[in-house]
């Protein structure tokens, strides 16, 4: 009986320690990511990426970390030569696709990646986004992602507002019209007053 109790106690102790280590690791990953996000806001891109890399290493199953790192990669493209910019964009794209694959049905994850795919497709982030400032190498990935989001979004009018806004900026007229049509079906009043829709230069 004593041996059984001893084995049980040891087993429970090991399980508790493993759980505690796991909790600490996940907590530490969150702390690293929050600091990385602050550093990115402060313009410290290299330091931000270093901490985001560590956060991903500690918890490789959190889509927010990949999306945050993609944002950092895209921020780092400003004032880079074309070759470096292309490498950074490919890293950002890989992270965005990883974030999607980890939780492909989560509307918050889908919604928050919509602007990042737009920035991925802007040719020069130091200039205003418009159909003349588009990186054609990455445009097909953004078109594909936006259509995937559209197929999942269902009745989420907020996502359609974002899709209409960014598709319009990229000069995707028919896709913009499709998003506007869906908004008209869900919340037609938004077409009259929503700030993101006022500047759209195509009509229903």
Protein backbone atom coordinates (compact mmCIF):
# COMPACT_ATOMS: atom_id res chain seq x y z
CA UNK A 1 0.00 0.00 0.00
CA UNK A 2 2.84 2.38 0.90
CA UNK A 3 4.50 1.78 -2.47
CA UNK A 4 1.25 2.55 -4.30
CA UNK A 5 0.80 5.78 -2.31
CA UNK A 6 4.41 6.75 -2.95
CA UNK A 7 4.05 6.14 -6.69
CA UNK A 8 0.82 8.16 -6.72
CA UNK A 9 2.42 11.07 -4.84
CA UNK A 10 5.45 11.09 -7.15
CA UNK A 11 3.22 10.94 -10.24
CA UNK A 12 1.03 13.81 -9.02
CA UNK A 13 4.08 15.87 -8.09
CA UNK A 14 5.63 15.40 -11.53
CA UNK A 15 2.32 16.27 -13.21
CA UNK A 16 2.00 19.41 -11.07
CA UNK A 17 5.55 20.50 -11.87
CA UNK A 18 5.03 19.94 -15.59
CA UNK A 19 1.80 21.95 -15.47
CA UNK A 20 3.52 24.76 -13.57
CA UNK A 21 6.38 24.86 -16.09
CA UNK A 22 3.90 24.94 -18.98
CA UNK A 23 1.93 27.77 -17.37
CA UNK A 24 5.09 29.78 -16.71
CA UNK A 25 6.28 29.26 -20.29
CA UNK A 26 2.98 30.48 -21.75
CA UNK A 27 2.87 33.42 -19.36
CA UNK A 28 6.45 34.35 -20.24
CA UNK A 29 5.57 34.17 -23.94
CA UNK A 30 2.71 36.62 -23.40
CA UNK A 31 4.99 39.01 -21.51
CA UNK A 32 7.56 38.85 -24.30
CA UNK A 33 4.94 39.51 -26.95
CA UNK A 34 3.40 42.46 -25.11
CA UNK A 35 6.84 44.04 -24.74
CA UNK A 36 7.57 43.33 -28.40
CA UNK A 37 4.34 45.06 -29.38
CA UNK A 38 5.30 48.11 -27.29
CA UNK A 39 8.75 48.20 -28.89
CA UNK A 40 7.20 48.06 -32.35
CA UNK A 41 4.99 51.04 -31.48
CA UNK A 42 8.14 52.87 -30.36
CA UNK A 43 9.86 52.15 -33.67
CA UNK A 44 12.33 49.64 -32.20
CA UNK A 45 11.74 47.06 -34.92
CA UNK A 46 14.87 44.93 -34.43
CA UNK A 47 14.30 44.60 -30.67
CA UNK A 48 10.62 43.90 -31.28
CA UNK A 49 11.43 41.07 -33.70
CA UNK A 50 13.91 39.56 -31.26
CA UNK A 51 11.26 39.34 -28.54
CA UNK A 52 8.58 38.14 -30.93
CA UNK A 53 10.87 35.33 -32.05
CA UNK A 54 11.32 34.28 -28.43
CA UNK A 55 7.56 34.42 -27.82
CA UNK A 56 6.95 32.15 -30.83
CA UNK A 57 9.60 29.72 -29.61
CA UNK A 58 7.92 29.47 -26.22
CA UNK A 59 4.41 29.13 -27.63
CA UNK A 60 4.33 28.19 -31.33
CA UNK A 61 0.55 27.66 -31.28
CA UNK A 62 -0.57 31.26 -30.70
CA UNK A 63 -1.74 32.93 -33.94
CA UNK A 64 -1.50 36.44 -32.47
CA UNK A 65 2.28 36.07 -32.18
CA UNK A 66 2.65 35.23 -35.86
CA UNK A 67 0.40 38.09 -36.87
CA UNK A 68 2.38 40.48 -34.67
CA UNK A 69 5.67 39.30 -36.11
CA UNK A 70 4.29 39.71 -39.63
CA UNK A 71 3.46 43.32 -38.76
CA UNK A 72 7.04 43.82 -37.54
CA UNK A 73 8.47 42.33 -40.74
CA UNK A 74 6.30 44.65 -42.82
CA UNK A 75 7.35 47.66 -40.74
CA UNK A 76 10.98 46.71 -41.40
CA UNK A 77 10.49 46.95 -45.19
CA UNK A 78 10.47 50.76 -45.15
CA UNK A 79 13.59 52.25 -46.81
CA UNK A 80 15.01 48.81 -47.66
CA UNK A 81 16.41 47.77 -51.02
CA UNK A 82 14.14 45.68 -53.23
CA UNK A 83 15.82 42.36 -52.42
CA UNK A 84 15.64 42.85 -48.66
CA UNK A 85 12.07 44.08 -48.90
CA UNK A 86 11.06 40.96 -50.83
CA UNK A 87 12.66 38.69 -48.22
CA UNK A 88 10.89 40.50 -45.37
CA UNK A 89 7.56 40.33 -47.17
CA UNK A 90 7.95 36.60 -47.74
CA UNK A 91 8.62 36.14 -44.02
CA UNK A 92 5.54 38.23 -43.22
CA UNK A 93 3.42 36.19 -45.65
CA UNK A 94 4.59 32.93 -44.08
CA UNK A 95 3.60 34.21 -40.63
CA UNK A 96 0.21 35.41 -41.83
CA UNK A 97 -0.50 32.03 -43.39
CA UNK A 98 0.65 30.29 -40.20
CA UNK A 99 -1.68 32.45 -38.11
CA UNK A 100 -4.54 31.52 -40.43
CA UNK A 101 -3.74 27.79 -40.35
CA UNK A 102 -3.70 27.73 -36.55
CA UNK A 103 -7.25 29.08 -36.29
CA UNK A 104 -8.91 29.31 -39.73
CA UNK A 105 -12.43 29.86 -38.41
CA UNK A 106 -11.70 32.54 -35.82
CA UNK A 107 -13.27 35.78 -37.07
CA UNK A 108 -11.05 37.99 -34.89
CA UNK A 109 -7.92 36.42 -36.36
CA UNK A 110 -9.32 36.73 -39.88
CA UNK A 111 -10.39 40.35 -39.37
CA UNK A 112 -7.11 41.50 -37.87
CA UNK A 113 -5.10 40.05 -40.74
CA UNK A 114 -7.05 41.92 -43.44
CA UNK A 115 -5.08 45.20 -43.07
CA UNK A 116 -1.76 43.33 -42.89
CA UNK A 117 -2.40 41.61 -46.22
CA UNK A 118 -3.09 45.05 -47.65
CA UNK A 119 0.23 46.40 -46.35
CA UNK A 120 1.93 43.29 -47.73
CA UNK A 121 0.67 44.32 -51.16
CA UNK A 122 1.59 48.01 -50.98
CA UNK A 123 4.72 48.50 -53.06
CA UNK A 124 6.16 51.39 -51.03
CA UNK A 125 4.84 51.90 -47.50
CA UNK A 126 6.39 55.37 -47.36
CA UNK A 127 3.88 56.52 -50.00
CA UNK A 128 0.05 56.60 -49.85
CA UNK A 129 -1.65 53.35 -50.79
CA UNK A 130 -3.48 53.42 -54.12
CA UNK A 131 -3.86 51.23 -57.23
CA UNK A 132 -0.60 52.71 -58.62
CA UNK A 133 1.36 51.66 -55.51
CA UNK A 134 0.79 47.90 -55.63
CA UNK A 135 3.36 45.12 -55.40
CA UNK A 136 2.11 42.74 -58.08
CA UNK A 137 4.19 39.85 -56.71
CA UNK A 138 2.11 39.71 -53.55
CA UNK A 139 -1.25 40.89 -54.91
CA UNK A 140 -2.46 37.33 -55.76
CA UNK A 141 -1.89 36.21 -52.15
CA UNK A 142 -3.97 39.11 -50.86
CA UNK A 143 -6.76 38.52 -53.36
CA UNK A 144 -6.86 34.85 -52.36
CA UNK A 145 -6.87 35.61 -48.63
CA UNK A 146 -9.64 38.20 -48.95
CA UNK A 147 -11.78 35.69 -50.85
CA UNK A 148 -11.14 33.03 -48.21
CA UNK A 149 -12.20 35.49 -45.53
CA UNK A 150 -15.30 36.38 -47.53
CA UNK A 151 -16.29 32.72 -47.74
CA UNK A 152 -16.05 32.37 -43.94
CA UNK A 153 -17.27 35.79 -42.78
CA UNK A 154 -20.96 35.00 -43.18
CA UNK A 155 -22.86 37.87 -41.57
CA UNK A 156 -19.91 39.75 -40.08
CA UNK A 157 -20.48 43.16 -41.65
CA UNK A 158 -17.33 44.54 -40.01
CA UNK A 159 -15.20 42.20 -42.09
CA UNK A 160 -16.99 43.22 -45.27
CA UNK A 161 -16.36 46.89 -44.47
CA UNK A 162 -12.65 46.14 -44.19
CA UNK A 163 -12.67 44.11 -47.39
CA UNK A 164 -14.42 46.91 -49.30
CA UNK A 165 -11.98 49.51 -47.94
CA UNK A 166 -8.76 47.66 -48.76
CA UNK A 167 -9.92 46.12 -52.02
CA UNK A 168 -10.77 49.62 -53.20
CA UNK A 169 -7.31 50.89 -52.25
CA UNK A 170 -5.77 48.10 -54.31
CA UNK A 171 -7.96 48.83 -57.32
CA UNK A 172 -9.88 45.54 -57.12
CA UNK A 173 -13.10 46.99 -58.47
CA UNK A 174 -15.25 43.87 -58.90
CA UNK A 175 -14.25 42.43 -55.54
CA UNK A 176 -14.97 45.83 -53.95
CA UNK A 177 -18.42 45.81 -55.52
CA UNK A 178 -19.05 42.31 -54.16
CA UNK A 179 -18.20 43.46 -50.63
CA UNK A 180 -20.38 46.57 -50.98
CA UNK A 181 -23.28 44.44 -52.18
CA UNK A 182 -22.97 42.23 -49.10
CA UNK A 183 -22.87 45.31 -46.86
CA UNK A 184 -26.01 46.57 -48.57
CA UNK A 185 -27.72 43.28 -47.75
CA UNK A 186 -26.57 43.25 -44.12
CA UNK A 187 -26.51 46.92 -43.08
CA UNK A 188 -27.43 49.30 -45.92
CA UNK A 189 -27.22 52.34 -43.63
CA UNK A 190 -23.43 51.88 -43.38
CA UNK A 191 -23.07 52.86 -47.03
CA UNK A 192 -24.34 56.34 -46.16
CA UNK A 193 -22.28 57.21 -43.11
CA UNK A 194 -19.37 54.83 -42.43
CA UNK A 195 -16.02 56.66 -42.76
CA UNK A 196 -14.26 53.67 -44.36
CA UNK A 197 -16.83 53.55 -47.14
CA UNK A 198 -17.08 57.24 -48.00
CA UNK A 199 -13.95 57.35 -50.16
CA UNK A 200 -14.75 54.26 -52.20
CA UNK A 201 -14.78 55.28 -55.83
CA UNK A 202 -16.99 52.52 -57.20
CA UNK A 203 -20.72 52.23 -56.82
CA UNK A 204 -23.37 49.55 -56.62
